[in-house]
Structure formats: C-alpha cells, structure tokens
Amino acid sequence: MSDTTSMRLLLWLGLLWLAVLQQIVPASGEDAPAFQRIYQTEKTVRRTKGQEMRSYVNNSIDPCVDFYAYACGNWRSISTPQEQHDQQIDRELLLLIQESVVREDSPLARQAKEFFKSCLAAQAEQSQQQQQFLSEFINQNGGFPAVPGSQWAVHHHDYDWLRVLGGLRRRYGMDILIGLRVGYNYESIFENSLYLSEPSTLIPRELCIQNRSDIRDSIYAPLERRVARELTTWLALGNEESARLAADILTFEHELCGSMRGGSLNPWDAEKQLYEANYTRKTLSELGQIFDLNLESYVTASYDQVIFKPVYMAAPEYYCQLKRTVAAHNMSLVANYIMYRAISALNFPMDERPKMRKGLCLERIKELMPSALGELYARQFGADDTRKDLDRLFEILQMALRKSLSAEWLEDVSRRVAQRKLQDLKLQLPSYEHPSALKLQLERANYWSNLRQLLEAVQSQRMNQLFEEFPLTPHDPVEAFEARVRLRPVQRRLDMGLALLQPPAYNHHYGHPFRYATLGLKLARQLVTAFDDLHWSVGLLERDNWDGETAWKYHLRSDCFSRQVEHYLRANLTATRQLIKDSAALNVAFQAYLTWLGFQEPNNDLDMLLNETLPGVNYTNTALFFVAYAQQYCDLEEFRPKDDQMAIGGWLYSARQNHSWTRLRVNGPLRNSAEFARDFRCPIGSPMNPATKCSIY
C-alpha cells in the first residue's frame, strides 16, 4: 500500500467519527445572517459556511447518478456564486470610490473619485450640457443624416465612413464596424502587432452569428423598440421616423452578423490568438486591395499617422461581408448607423433608474480607469499574511503538477522540458506603485466635458501599446478587484486578482478542502493550460515543442475526453479542451491538498482534522473538497424546465440526456476521479463512476 493510500485510509477512519460527532453537536444560530465582511469569529464563520453548503444539497438525489444535481439541487438564488461574488466586489468598490480623498490616494485615484462624483451629478434627462455635447460630437464626426442641422448636408458629398470611424477610434476608442486590436506578433514575439477583427455589435453576440434568426423574429423586437425610443428621446425625432430608422439600423447590422463567427463565449483574446491563429500578415495596402476597402485610411485616422507595420487579418469573412453590406445601402444609412452606435456608447441607458446610476458610473470607471480602482482595492484588501498563504498554496500546486508531469506516457525529452517550464512559472499579484495622472481638467458640474477628456486621454495611452517593446504589457491586465487568474505564456507567469482572496469566495477559516477546491482549482486550471496541446505544440518564445511520440499519446488520451463530451453534448472541440483542463485541474488541486495533508505533523492530529471539516456538514475532509468544487457552479437555470433544446449561453443539450455545459464542468471531471468515487461510494458502472476514465495530468 502506498504512503498516499495509507494516509487517505487513516484520514478516512479518523474523519468518519468526526463527521458523526458533528451531527450531534447543536448548530446554534441557525438564523445567523448571511456572510458579513467584519466582526465574525472563526467559529461563526465556519458554522455559517457549513449551514450554507448544507442548505444547497438535495439529499433526495443520488450523488452517484448526478452529483451536480445533488450538490446544487436546493440552490435558490437567481445569481450564480460567481455573480454573487461580483456583486460583493462592486459593493466594496462603490464604498471605496465614494470615500473622501486621503493622503495615500495617487493622483490617478483622486481623478477617478472626482470623475465618479461628476457622473453621479449628471442629469439623467436631457440637459443643456448634454445637448451641447451631443451636438458638437455629431457635427465634429461627420454628421447624423436623420438629425436636421447636423452638418450632413456639408459632409455628405465627401463623406468617408472609414475615416470617420478611424477618428472615433482615435478619440473615443469606439469599436464600430471595424475591430482593431493590439496583440502579440507571433512571428516576432518581441513586438506587438495590429489585428483586424470582428467589431462589437448592437445585437447581442449570441444572436449575431452565422446561424442567426431571421430579422423578423420576435426575439429582435425588444431591441428595435429600445433603439426607437432612444432615437426619439435623444434626437427629438417623431415616433414613426424613429421606428423606421431603428428598423433600418438593426437590419443593416443583421446583414453583417451573417459573417461573424465569434460569440459571447469567444471574446477577443490576444493570448489565445497567439497560439490558435494562423493568420496572414500583410500591409494595409495589400489588405485594402484584397477586400476592396481603404483600410489604410481607417488605421491612419485611428493613429493620426501612417502605420507601415504589417497587420493580421483575423476575420476575412466579415470584411468581405462588410464591403457587400455597405455597398448595398446608401451612405446616409451607414452614417446613421455609425452615429447612433457612437451616441449610444456615450449616453446613459434610457431605462436608467436613480438607484442604477452608481453602478453605471462604476462600470465607466472600470472601463476607463481600472488601475485607479485596483489601487484602492489593493490598499484595502492586500494583506501580507494572505500573500504568504497564497505562495504556499501555489508552491504545493506546482509540486502536484510536477508529479503529474512525471507520467510514463511523456517521453524523457518532453518531460524535462515540461519540468523546466513549470519551474519557471511564477505567480504575480497586481501592483500599483506611483500610477501617473491623466492630463485632465475635471469639473464637478460638467460630466460630459469630463467624459470627452477622459476618453481621449485613455485612448491615447492604449494606442501607444502598438509601439511597445519587449517585455510587452498584456492587453487585458488583471486588476486587484478582479476574481480571475490568467496564464501569461509570453511573460511566463500567472496573473491573479486579489478579489479571489476575499469573502465570500475565500476565507482561511473555511479550511483547506475549500481552499484547494476553489482558489486552488482556479490556479491549477491555468497551470495545466500551460501544458495543453496549444501551448505544447507551438514554440514561440517558449521553444518547448513536444516530441512526436508524446504528441501522439496526448491526442490519443484527448480522444477519450471527446467521447465523454459527445455523451453530454454535441461534438465540440472547445468543450473537449475545457473538459481536459477541468479534469486535470481537479486532479492537480486534489493531489495538492493530499500533499498539504502529508506535510502536517502529526498528520493524525484530531484537532487539525476537525478544522478540515465544517460544523453540521456530514462529510469527510476529502468529500467536502468535492462538494465545494461542485457548488462553485450552482445555477438556478439548470433546474428550470427548458422550452427547447437550446441551453443558456448557446450550448446545445444532448438529444439523449438533459445535460448542459454547466453540468459537464462538474460531473465530467468527477466522473474521471477515482477518489471521488471512493468518497461517495459510487459503484463501478454507475453514471458518476464509469469503468473507463480519462486522464492526461
């Protein structure tokens, strides 16, 4: 019997009686309030967490049949755990941004607080300042044909829609009709490059794809009514005229959607493009000839200078369709579409209510001044003792993955490369030392002037990323207030937001099973991403290509996961890759937890083991790990009757079973875990313990 197996058996026997003992201990304070930020003792925190986890479990469901339904069957919140965490973060950010300026605030943080105040003070209804701002904006950007007196009569003879779009990009960062991104140049990783990609859309991206619904479908009606109402209010157009123009605007964009492949599940990702893409890099002049679009004019207007660097064409089908769609309509409709999209990006929503304003202003600062919020959040919640715990957690996760990378199916050469690559990966938290102020002259009583200045200043900074030299700044930096981890393969590190270390998602009193099943799993998922087929098979700066034999064995093992996905969902390469990562991350996080247990001296100390469970929860420590893992993904939508075969987010349900991607994220990795089957005593051949299991790491 191995040391690990012996240790697990010892812990199992010791914790069985502890779990029973906890059932006879009265759980006082059953009506204790939900998690509070401060003033909770360790005992209260643990009791509350135990009550919470127990309340979500549906004991009438066999965990060996559908563990997701078992662990989340009594979930009643309309928000998922991730959404609840995001809401908590926003509440904390609102408190921080509304505090009076203090000596520790950087000049940038002071500007953010001042801008927030001006945003709150702006009138929701049309004000003289707003009308003046919009009038000047329209006149300076080519005019708005639907609006009398908007200079369209002056501009329409030589209206250059690409140059107008470039100006909107340069001054305001607007992503209309053309998507222009700065990403890595994967031919020379020491510099950035431009990518011509799909733009943002008015129609939700899940409805703006090649297999979209007909424009006459009722699903588009609410959006069309909203556009018409905004045109009436913002531009003083008549109801009939607004309705007609709204229909034209949506029809125009709907035609463009026919060539779009990206959806809400596939946002632009520079790191992903670096590994997945196989684009052609050409000069703007060459691309202009291919697509019969003056892209050189657009990019020159965007940067206010000629760009000689070649660019990547990331969406050729879209640009062919863009040319056809623009050519099929008169230029006044194109201008109407551009100007409506621009104004809607600047204005407050029509359905805004007073209590919504703070949230809207906060989102604007997240978009334009995220590092100011990050600074405030890091100063409030960046405790040094938490960092020590995090470093130890990361170290043990690396140890567990290093053991997985010693598997026999990896050839010696690839194994050594992988071990070295893993050793080089570091964990980095956001740092905010001396952030510089923007060139702004803010006025408390003039939000619209402040907004214009801020947009121009921020966009000027962002456009300069194209000219950066190595080491390159990631296009989507992880801020302190974010609850995410991101692998940076070029920089050889993981970036993590401090919000992942804050309640209710994390508390060191919860115990290590919860810590490793939640935070540990998120870190493990990014670690194993560094060793998936994409990151192994493309060298770039890493120069770590695997040998042919290892690559072949990896793909053979991947086929096992593909068959599991087909059992749950339609065949899908993206889902297969995610299942591989989730299964590997679960295994690494669980093995890391066992490794941590093995370091405890003595490892049969009952007081220590008691802290590895929660009061009122009848689970061993390892079983608690799996319940905590599953409950991260609880979603009320999973338990509501479905009207058709389309799942939330666009994933198709299996024709054989009522399975979705959310359930696959939980049940899929657990079906591949022998430890899970042992903890919940699932017989071989049961749905959660198939005889054939898939494994890579």
Foldseek 3Di string as FASTA:
>chain_A
DDPLVVLVVLLVVLVQVVLVVLQPDDLPPLVPDADDFDDDDLQRLQSNVQSVQVQQADVVDACLFFVLCRRRVRPDDQDALVRVLVVVLLVVLLVLLCDDDDPPAFQALVLLSLLLLLLLQDDQADDPLNLVLLLVVQLVQQHAVVFPPSCVVVRVVPPDLLLSLLQCCQQFVAFPLWHWDWAADLVARFAIFIETDGTDDLPAQVQLAQPHDDLPDCVCVVSLVQQLVCCCRSRVDDSVSSSVLSSLLVVLSSLLSNQDDDHPVRDDDRVCCSQPPDWDWAFQVVVCVVLVHNVQSNNCSNQVHGDGGTHTYPRVSSSNSSVVSPVVDDVSSVSNNVSSSSVVVVHDRPPDDSVCSSVVSVVVCCVQPVQSSLVSLCVVQVDPVLVVVVVVLLVLLLVLVLVLLVDPQADPLLSVLLNVLSVQAEEDEDDDDNDDHFPDDDDSNNSSNRSSRSSNRRSNVLVCQNVDGPPHDGNDADGQSDQAWAQDSVVRYIYGHVSCCRPPNHDPSNALLLCLLGVVLRSLLNSCVCVAPRNQCRPRPSNSHGDPSSSVVNVVLLVVLQVVCVVWAPRDPVLSSLLQSLLRSLSSSLVSSSVVLVPDVPSSPSVNQSSLHGRPNSFGSSLVSLSSNSSSLRHPQLVDDDPDQAGPPGTGGHPVDRHDSSSCSRLVSQCQDPVNCVRSVNDEPRSSDDPDHGHND
